Amino acid sequence: MNPQSERRIALISFHGDPAIEIGREEAGGQNVYVRNVGEALARLGWQVDMYTRRVSAAQEEIVQHTPGCRTIRFSAGPLEFIPRDELFQYLPEFIDKFLNFQQENHLVYEVVHTNYWMSAWAGMYLKKVIGSKQVHTYHSLGAVKYATVENIPPIASQRLETECKVLETAERIVATSPQERAHMRQLVSTKGSIDIIPCGTDIQRFGSIDRDAARVALNIEPDAKLVLYVGRFDHRKGIETLVRAMRKSQFYGDEKLQIIIGGGSVPGQSDGVERDRIEGIVDELGLRACTTFPGRLSQEILPTYYAAADVCVVPSHYEPFGLVAIEAMASGTPVVASDVGGLQFTVVPGETGLLAPPQDVAEFAKAIDQIISNPEWRHKLGEAGKRRVQTKFSWDGVANQLSELYLQIIQTPTPVEKVVAPEAEPAFSK
């Protein structure tokens, strides 16, 4: 019998719903990661339950993705979207519902894989209550984020404390790049066990259409000079850097230049405010005629946009990994990205794209121009990027590594000493 055939794993993604439409506010790389890891683990024989917070009465409580993989949503706090920095107070209700659901359905989780810091807190508490072992993926580090923002939220101290404690107490931390692991050691703690297992992408979906066919499908001229951004509207994503770089580009004013800024936004919410700000800068710089905002790009059409582009730009202030970069590379499109975090791991300068200092408008313009102005080199970069992703970053390959890690942890005896976990009341007091 397959040793995994009767294994059940819980993936907790408190604020990042694996079943939500990608591209909506608070729906990005973490949602993609959890959903795809879950489905790939199910293909290996695991029974996968992915737990998240329900934000609307219209949402189904249980979404069955595949026979072995489902999303389970619990109401915790008001049934509405709440920004992540205001969610921590609703964790007790979420944990109570998790424990009740587990008991009522006779579910046993030997390992709980938590995602992002709030889920880490839940995982540490569950270790204490049900004796489960914990694997954790950060997705972003507070110590890195707060170094780049002006207004540090009140929840910051709780986040930093939790991120340190989970590194020191979880059975294993999964870093998605060597750079992320280095940041954990430098900024969080020298204690704890860290494995490097990268994020992945769907190598069947991305790369399924060639550049010419993609441009026909999108009604884009064959000789257009197409620069693409894909992602959320968030100040930290650095869209302003891209826009200002295009004003400095040698192709500014070229009638063949096209800029596509793809991503969803909700008017009045934080991403909608950022989109309005970016559109204002586009108008200010005289780029409106060549810039398109197509909104949220569905998973069905997204591979076509990547394939059609001459270059995909990832100008984030920081990325622990950067899924957009490998999606673009899988599609045969070179990447210009910020020289930070996991992007230093996914993008190989001069081989699959170029890196530029974050927020450095002149260097981004220079890198974009280098690629667009040399079609033969652009094609070479794109082919090398596709090979790199196929070799290193498939979801099935990622799931195989995680599966081996889970089994190793399950088979390792639990130490006799009591696991240190946070107390519910003090941790949640305001």
Protein backbone atom coordinates (compact mmCIF):
# COMPACT_ATOMS: atom_id res chain seq x y z
CA MET A 1 0.00 0.00 0.00
CA ASN A 2 1.11 3.53 -0.72
CA PRO A 3 2.30 4.82 2.69
CA GLN A 4 0.54 8.12 1.98
CA SER A 5 -2.82 6.58 1.06
CA GLU A 6 -4.30 7.06 4.54
CA ARG A 7 -2.45 10.22 5.44
CA ARG A 8 -4.39 13.43 6.07
CA ILE A 9 -2.80 16.88 6.11
CA ALA A 10 -4.23 20.24 7.23
CA LEU A 11 -3.09 23.38 5.45
CA ILE A 12 -4.10 26.51 7.35
CA SER A 13 -4.28 29.77 5.41
CA PHE A 14 -6.37 31.96 7.71
CA HIS A 15 -6.52 35.10 5.58
CA GLY A 16 -5.60 33.65 2.16
CA ASP A 17 -8.54 31.67 0.77
CA PRO A 18 -7.27 28.90 -1.58
CA ALA A 19 -10.67 28.75 -3.32
CA ILE A 20 -11.01 32.46 -4.05
CA GLU A 21 -10.53 34.05 -7.45
CA ILE A 22 -6.88 34.94 -7.85
CA GLY A 23 -6.30 38.64 -8.42
CA ARG A 24 -8.90 39.96 -5.98
CA GLU A 25 -7.79 42.01 -2.98
CA GLU A 26 -5.83 39.82 -0.55
CA ALA A 27 -5.68 37.10 -3.21
CA GLY A 28 -2.22 36.57 -4.57
CA GLY A 29 0.81 34.34 -4.29
CA GLN A 30 -0.17 32.72 -0.98
CA ASN A 31 -3.57 31.66 -2.30
CA VAL A 32 -1.95 30.20 -5.43
CA TYR A 33 0.64 28.38 -3.34
CA VAL A 34 -1.78 26.77 -0.90
CA ARG A 35 -4.29 25.73 -3.58
CA ASN A 36 -1.70 24.22 -5.89
CA VAL A 37 0.26 22.51 -3.11
CA GLY A 38 -3.01 21.04 -1.83
CA GLU A 39 -4.08 19.69 -5.19
CA ALA A 40 -0.63 18.30 -5.96
CA LEU A 41 -0.43 16.58 -2.56
CA ALA A 42 -3.83 15.00 -3.26
CA ARG A 43 -2.41 13.57 -6.50
CA LEU A 44 0.22 11.86 -4.34
CA GLY A 45 -2.46 10.19 -2.23
CA TRP A 46 -2.81 12.62 0.68
CA GLN A 47 -6.24 13.69 1.94
CA VAL A 48 -5.88 17.46 2.02
CA ASP A 49 -8.03 19.85 4.06
CA MET A 50 -7.28 23.56 3.50
CA TYR A 51 -8.71 25.83 6.21
CA THR A 52 -9.44 29.51 5.73
CA ARG A 53 -11.72 32.33 6.90
CA ARG A 54 -15.13 32.84 5.31
CA VAL A 55 -15.77 36.46 4.27
CA SER A 56 -19.27 36.31 2.77
CA ALA A 57 -22.54 34.48 3.39
CA ALA A 58 -22.55 33.72 -0.34
CA GLN A 59 -19.39 31.64 -0.04
CA GLU A 60 -19.72 27.88 0.25
CA GLU A 61 -18.51 26.51 3.56
CA ILE A 62 -16.81 23.56 1.87
CA VAL A 63 -15.39 23.62 -1.66
CA GLN A 64 -14.30 20.25 -3.07
CA HIS A 65 -11.52 20.89 -5.58
CA THR A 66 -10.54 17.29 -6.35
CA PRO A 67 -11.53 13.98 -4.72
CA GLY A 68 -8.69 14.34 -2.20
CA CYS A 69 -8.52 18.11 -1.76
CA ARG A 70 -11.03 20.58 -0.31
CA THR A 71 -11.22 24.08 1.15
CA ILE A 72 -13.08 24.45 4.47
CA ARG A 73 -14.21 27.95 5.43
CA PHE A 74 -15.11 29.08 8.95
CA SER A 75 -16.87 32.28 9.92
CA ALA A 76 -14.63 34.23 12.30
CA GLY A 77 -15.71 37.77 13.04
CA PRO A 78 -18.00 39.67 10.67
CA LEU A 79 -18.89 37.98 7.38
CA GLU A 80 -17.05 40.57 5.32
CA PHE A 81 -13.63 41.38 3.96
CA ILE A 82 -11.31 42.65 6.69
CA PRO A 83 -7.74 43.86 6.01
CA ARG A 84 -5.20 41.35 7.25
CA ASP A 85 -3.68 43.69 9.84
CA GLU A 86 -7.09 43.79 11.60
CA LEU A 87 -7.80 40.03 11.60
CA PHE A 88 -5.78 38.73 14.51
CA GLN A 89 -8.55 39.32 17.06
CA TYR A 90 -10.74 36.76 15.27
CA LEU A 91 -8.28 33.88 15.52
CA PRO A 92 -9.79 32.41 18.74
CA GLU A 93 -13.15 31.91 17.04
CA PHE A 94 -11.44 30.37 14.01
CA ILE A 95 -9.45 27.94 16.16
CA ASP A 96 -12.55 26.93 18.14
CA LYS A 97 -14.38 26.10 14.93
CA PHE A 98 -11.38 24.17 13.62
CA LEU A 99 -11.31 22.03 16.78
CA ASN A 100 -15.08 21.45 16.70
CA PHE A 101 -14.99 20.48 13.01
CA GLN A 102 -12.10 18.13 13.58
CA GLN A 103 -13.85 16.45 16.50
CA GLU A 104 -17.25 16.18 14.82
CA ASN A 105 -15.74 14.63 11.69
CA HIS A 106 -13.25 12.38 13.53
CA LEU A 107 -10.28 13.91 11.73
CA VAL A 108 -6.70 13.36 12.85
CA TYR A 109 -3.89 15.60 11.62
CA GLU A 110 -0.41 14.45 12.52
CA VAL A 111 1.01 17.48 10.71
CA VAL A 112 -0.46 20.96 10.26
CA HIS A 113 1.19 23.15 7.59
CA THR A 114 0.55 26.81 8.40
CA ASN A 115 0.88 29.75 6.02
CA TYR A 116 1.60 33.36 7.06
CA TRP A 117 2.09 34.52 10.64
CA MET A 118 -1.49 34.44 11.89
CA SER A 119 -1.86 30.84 10.78
CA ALA A 120 1.45 30.18 12.53
CA TRP A 121 -0.09 31.35 15.81
CA ALA A 122 -3.01 28.97 15.25
CA GLY A 123 -0.61 26.12 14.47
CA MET A 124 1.39 26.68 17.65
CA TYR A 125 -1.81 26.64 19.67
CA LEU A 126 -2.95 23.42 17.97
CA LYS A 127 0.35 21.77 18.85
CA LYS A 128 -0.51 22.37 22.47
CA VAL A 129 -4.15 21.28 22.25
CA ILE A 130 -4.11 18.30 19.86
CA GLY A 131 -0.42 17.44 19.72
CA SER A 132 -0.03 17.97 16.00
CA LYS A 133 3.37 18.72 14.51
CA GLN A 134 3.90 21.97 12.62
CA VAL A 135 5.42 22.94 9.29
CA HIS A 136 5.31 26.64 8.48
CA THR A 137 5.76 28.82 5.38
CA TYR A 138 6.05 32.56 6.08
CA HIS A 139 5.15 34.04 2.64
CA SER A 140 6.52 37.32 3.96
CA LEU A 141 8.52 38.41 6.99
CA GLY A 142 7.43 41.26 9.24
CA ALA A 143 11.04 42.24 9.88
CA VAL A 144 11.51 42.81 6.15
CA LYS A 145 8.13 44.41 5.51
CA TYR A 146 8.29 46.92 8.37
CA ALA A 147 11.70 48.13 7.21
CA THR A 148 10.08 49.33 3.97
CA VAL A 149 6.85 50.99 5.19
CA GLU A 150 6.35 54.36 6.84
CA ASN A 151 3.33 53.53 8.97
CA ILE A 152 3.95 50.42 11.07
CA PRO A 153 0.61 48.92 12.20
CA PRO A 154 -0.23 48.27 15.87
CA ILE A 155 -0.18 44.52 15.23
CA ALA A 156 3.52 44.60 14.31
CA SER A 157 4.85 43.59 17.73
CA GLN A 158 2.52 40.56 17.87
CA ARG A 159 3.57 39.55 14.37
CA LEU A 160 7.29 39.82 15.08
CA GLU A 161 6.94 37.84 18.32
CA THR A 162 4.94 35.10 16.56
CA GLU A 163 7.35 34.86 13.63
CA CYS A 164 10.25 34.38 16.01
CA LYS A 165 8.42 31.83 18.17
CA VAL A 166 7.28 29.68 15.24
CA LEU A 167 10.80 29.56 13.81
CA GLU A 168 12.08 28.32 17.14
CA THR A 169 9.29 25.81 17.89
CA ALA A 170 7.93 24.40 14.61
CA GLU A 171 9.21 21.00 13.53
CA ARG A 172 10.25 22.57 10.24
CA ILE A 173 10.15 25.92 8.48
CA VAL A 174 9.87 25.91 4.68
CA ALA A 175 11.79 28.77 3.06
CA THR A 176 11.04 29.24 -0.61
CA SER A 177 14.52 30.50 -1.50
CA PRO A 178 18.04 30.67 -0.03
CA GLN A 179 17.55 34.43 0.29
CA GLU A 180 14.44 33.99 2.44
CA ARG A 181 16.28 31.54 4.69
CA ALA A 182 19.14 34.03 5.07
CA HIS A 183 16.66 36.74 6.12
CA MET A 184 15.16 34.41 8.73
CA ARG A 185 18.58 33.77 10.22
CA GLN A 186 19.67 37.41 10.09
CA LEU A 187 16.43 39.07 11.19
CA VAL A 188 14.33 36.53 13.11
CA SER A 189 16.29 33.82 14.97
CA THR A 190 19.33 31.57 14.68
CA LYS A 191 17.30 28.73 16.21
CA GLY A 192 14.99 26.28 14.45
CA SER A 193 15.12 23.98 11.43
CA ILE A 194 14.72 25.42 7.92
CA ASP A 195 14.38 23.54 4.62
CA ILE A 196 14.40 25.23 1.21
CA ILE A 197 11.50 24.09 -0.97
CA PRO A 198 10.58 26.60 -3.70
CA CYS A 199 7.16 27.64 -4.90
CA GLY A 200 5.97 26.14 -8.15
CA THR A 201 3.88 26.84 -11.19
CA ASP A 202 1.67 24.96 -13.63
CA ILE A 203 4.10 24.10 -16.41
CA GLN A 204 1.26 22.70 -18.53
CA ARG A 205 -0.81 25.89 -18.34
CA PHE A 206 1.99 28.44 -18.62
CA GLY A 207 3.82 27.89 -21.87
CA SER A 208 0.78 26.37 -23.57
CA ILE A 209 0.55 29.15 -26.19
CA ASP A 210 3.26 30.76 -28.29
CA ARG A 211 3.94 34.46 -28.69
CA ASP A 212 2.38 34.89 -32.14
CA ALA A 213 -0.84 33.06 -31.24
CA ALA A 214 -1.08 34.98 -27.97
CA ARG A 215 -0.85 38.32 -29.76
CA VAL A 216 -3.51 37.30 -32.25
CA ALA A 217 -5.79 36.25 -29.37
CA LEU A 218 -5.32 39.61 -27.61
CA ASN A 219 -5.44 41.69 -30.80
CA ILE A 220 -1.89 42.93 -30.29
CA GLU A 221 0.25 43.82 -33.31
CA PRO A 222 3.14 41.41 -34.07
CA ASP A 223 5.72 44.22 -33.85
CA ALA A 224 4.34 45.87 -30.67
CA LYS A 225 6.82 46.47 -27.87
CA LEU A 226 4.82 45.02 -24.99
CA VAL A 227 5.75 45.51 -21.33
CA LEU A 228 3.63 43.58 -18.81
CA TYR A 229 2.96 43.84 -15.08
CA VAL A 230 0.81 41.25 -13.30
CA GLY A 231 -0.18 41.43 -9.64
CA ARG A 232 -2.06 43.22 -6.92
CA PHE A 233 -2.33 46.98 -6.65
CA ASP A 234 -0.21 47.48 -3.57
CA HIS A 235 2.40 50.18 -2.96
CA ARG A 236 4.98 47.50 -2.08
CA LYS A 237 4.58 45.90 -5.50
CA GLY A 238 6.45 48.84 -7.01
CA ILE A 239 4.14 49.58 -9.94
CA GLU A 240 5.11 53.25 -9.72
CA THR A 241 8.72 52.26 -10.42
CA LEU A 242 7.65 50.54 -13.64
CA VAL A 243 5.51 53.46 -14.79
CA ARG A 244 8.24 56.03 -14.16
CA ALA A 245 10.80 53.76 -15.82
CA MET A 246 8.70 53.72 -18.99
CA ARG A 247 8.79 57.52 -19.05
CA LYS A 248 12.61 57.28 -19.09
CA SER A 249 12.67 54.44 -21.61
CA GLN A 250 14.19 55.00 -25.05
CA PHE A 251 10.84 53.75 -26.37
CA TYR A 252 8.81 56.50 -24.69
CA GLY A 253 6.73 58.08 -27.45
CA ASP A 254 7.19 55.09 -29.77
CA GLU A 255 3.82 54.32 -31.31
CA LYS A 256 4.59 50.59 -30.97
CA LEU A 257 5.03 50.75 -27.16
CA GLN A 258 2.30 49.11 -25.10
CA ILE A 259 2.19 48.82 -21.31
CA ILE A 260 -0.28 46.43 -19.71
CA ILE A 261 -0.85 46.64 -15.94
CA GLY A 262 -2.95 43.60 -15.06
CA GLY A 263 -4.62 43.15 -11.69
CA GLY A 264 -7.98 43.49 -9.99
CA SER A 265 -9.03 46.26 -7.64
CA VAL A 266 -12.03 47.18 -5.51
CA PRO A 267 -13.07 50.87 -5.45
CA GLY A 268 -12.69 52.35 -1.99
CA GLN A 269 -10.50 49.55 -0.65
CA SER A 270 -6.73 49.76 -0.39
CA ASP A 271 -6.02 48.21 -3.77
CA GLY A 272 -8.57 50.48 -5.44
CA VAL A 273 -6.89 53.53 -3.90
CA GLU A 274 -3.49 52.35 -5.18
CA ARG A 275 -4.87 51.77 -8.67
CA ASP A 276 -6.26 55.31 -8.71
CA ARG A 277 -2.85 56.62 -7.63
CA ILE A 278 -1.04 54.68 -10.36
CA GLU A 279 -3.51 55.85 -13.00
CA GLY A 280 -2.86 59.41 -11.86
CA ILE A 281 0.87 58.95 -12.38
CA VAL A 282 0.26 57.40 -15.82
CA ASP A 283 -1.72 60.50 -16.80
CA GLU A 284 0.88 62.84 -15.29
CA LEU A 285 3.69 61.22 -17.33
CA GLY A 286 1.77 61.23 -20.61
CA LEU A 287 1.56 57.44 -20.81
CA ARG A 288 -2.23 57.05 -20.98
CA ALA A 289 -2.35 56.41 -24.73
CA CYS A 290 -0.06 53.39 -24.49
CA THR A 291 -1.13 51.99 -21.11
CA THR A 292 -3.95 49.49 -20.56
CA PHE A 293 -5.52 48.40 -17.26
CA PRO A 294 -7.41 45.19 -18.15
CA GLY A 295 -8.38 44.43 -14.53
CA ARG A 296 -8.15 41.01 -12.96
CA LEU A 297 -6.67 38.46 -15.32
CA SER A 298 -8.27 35.06 -14.91
CA GLN A 299 -6.13 31.94 -14.69
CA GLU A 300 -7.51 30.99 -18.11
CA ILE A 301 -6.34 34.13 -19.92
CA LEU A 302 -3.22 34.88 -17.86
CA PRO A 303 -0.89 32.51 -19.82
CA THR A 304 -1.87 34.35 -23.01
CA TYR A 305 -0.84 37.73 -21.58
CA TYR A 306 2.50 36.37 -20.39
CA ALA A 307 3.23 34.76 -23.75
CA ALA A 308 2.34 37.92 -25.67
CA ALA A 309 4.72 40.16 -23.70
CA ASP A 310 8.27 41.12 -24.70
CA VAL A 311 9.16 41.47 -21.04
CA CYS A 312 7.39 40.94 -17.71
CA VAL A 313 8.39 43.41 -14.99
CA VAL A 314 8.31 42.49 -11.28
CA PRO A 315 9.32 45.75 -9.53
CA SER A 316 8.40 44.72 -5.96
CA HIS A 317 10.12 46.36 -3.02
CA TYR A 318 10.50 42.84 -1.63
CA GLU A 319 9.38 39.31 -2.58
CA PRO A 320 10.18 36.17 -0.55
CA PHE A 321 9.78 34.20 -3.79
CA GLY A 322 7.84 35.86 -6.63
CA LEU A 323 5.38 33.57 -8.41
CA VAL A 324 4.82 36.04 -11.24
CA ALA A 325 8.46 35.72 -12.27
CA ILE A 326 8.30 31.96 -12.74
CA GLU A 327 4.89 32.12 -14.42
CA ALA A 328 6.34 34.53 -16.97
CA MET A 329 9.49 32.45 -17.42
CA ALA A 330 7.40 29.29 -17.88
CA SER A 331 5.63 31.17 -20.67
CA GLY A 332 8.92 31.90 -22.44
CA THR A 333 8.97 35.58 -21.46
CA PRO A 334 12.09 37.21 -19.93
CA VAL A 335 11.74 39.01 -16.61
CA VAL A 336 13.07 42.30 -15.29
CA ALA A 337 12.76 42.16 -11.51
CA SER A 338 13.90 43.86 -8.33
CA ASP A 339 17.20 42.57 -7.01
CA VAL A 340 15.66 41.44 -3.72
CA GLY A 341 14.64 38.31 -1.83
CA GLY A 342 13.53 35.26 -3.76
CA LEU A 343 13.70 37.10 -7.07
CA GLN A 344 17.48 36.74 -6.78
CA PHE A 345 16.84 32.98 -6.77
CA THR A 346 14.20 32.65 -9.49
CA VAL A 347 15.65 35.10 -12.04
CA VAL A 348 19.18 34.41 -13.29
CA PRO A 349 20.64 37.74 -14.50
CA GLY A 350 21.75 37.62 -18.12
CA GLU A 351 20.30 34.11 -18.51
CA THR A 352 16.54 34.36 -17.87
CA GLY A 353 16.19 38.12 -17.45
CA LEU A 354 17.73 41.03 -15.56
CA LEU A 355 17.66 42.36 -12.01
CA ALA A 356 17.62 46.03 -10.99
CA PRO A 357 17.83 47.72 -7.59
CA PRO A 358 14.34 48.12 -6.09
CA GLN A 359 12.72 51.52 -6.79
CA ASP A 360 15.61 52.49 -9.09
CA VAL A 361 13.72 53.99 -12.02
CA ALA A 362 16.77 54.57 -14.24
CA GLU A 363 18.07 51.02 -13.84
CA PHE A 364 14.65 49.49 -14.53
CA ALA A 365 14.37 51.60 -17.68
CA LYS A 366 17.83 50.50 -18.79
CA ALA A 367 17.09 46.80 -18.19
CA ILE A 368 13.74 46.91 -19.98
CA ASP A 369 15.29 48.72 -22.95
CA GLN A 370 18.13 46.19 -23.19
CA ILE A 371 15.72 43.31 -23.63
CA ILE A 372 13.20 44.99 -25.92
CA SER A 373 15.86 46.38 -28.24
CA ASN A 374 17.47 42.98 -28.85
CA PRO A 375 14.81 40.50 -30.10
CA GLU A 376 17.27 37.62 -30.55
CA TRP A 377 18.56 37.96 -27.01
CA ARG A 378 15.01 38.36 -25.73
CA HIS A 379 14.10 35.03 -27.34
CA LYS A 380 17.19 33.36 -25.88
CA LEU A 381 16.36 34.64 -22.40
CA GLY A 382 12.78 33.41 -22.75
CA GLU A 383 13.81 29.89 -23.79
CA ALA A 384 16.30 29.64 -20.92
CA GLY A 385 13.65 30.80 -18.47
CA LYS A 386 11.23 28.16 -19.67
CA ARG A 387 13.85 25.42 -19.23
CA ARG A 388 14.70 26.66 -15.73
CA VAL A 389 11.08 26.53 -14.57
CA GLN A 390 10.41 23.12 -16.08
CA THR A 391 13.47 21.74 -14.31
CA LYS A 392 13.08 23.35 -10.87
CA PHE A 393 9.63 24.80 -10.26
CA SER A 394 6.77 22.43 -11.12
CA TRP A 395 4.00 22.05 -8.50
CA ASP A 396 4.32 18.26 -8.58
CA GLY A 397 8.03 18.57 -7.80
CA VAL A 398 7.27 20.93 -4.92
CA ALA A 399 4.59 18.59 -3.55
CA ASN A 400 6.95 15.62 -3.71
CA GLN A 401 9.47 17.48 -1.57
CA LEU A 402 6.78 18.56 0.92
CA SER A 403 5.37 15.03 1.08
CA GLU A 404 8.79 13.62 1.94
CA LEU A 405 9.18 16.30 4.61
CA TYR A 406 5.79 15.54 6.18
CA LEU A 407 6.52 11.80 6.31
CA GLN A 408 9.92 12.43 7.84
CA ILE A 409 8.35 14.59 10.54
CA ILE A 410 5.56 12.08 11.22
CA GLN A 411 8.09 9.29 11.63
CA THR A 412 10.28 11.31 14.01
CA PRO A 413 9.41 10.68 17.68
CA THR A 414 8.09 13.69 19.56
CA PRO A 415 10.51 14.91 22.27
CA VAL A 416 9.43 14.19 25.83
CA GLU A 417 9.64 17.82 26.92
CA LYS A 418 6.48 19.88 26.68
CA VAL A 419 6.13 22.06 23.59
CA VAL A 420 6.05 25.77 24.37
CA ALA A 421 3.01 27.42 22.81
CA PRO A 422 1.31 30.78 23.37
CA GLU A 423 -1.42 31.12 25.96
CA ALA A 424 -4.75 32.13 24.42
CA GLU A 425 -5.84 34.97 26.64
CA PRO A 426 -2.58 36.98 27.00
CA ALA A 427 -1.77 36.68 23.30
CA PHE A 428 -5.12 38.01 22.21
CA SER A 429 -5.45 40.81 24.73
CA LYS A 430 -5.38 44.28 23.25
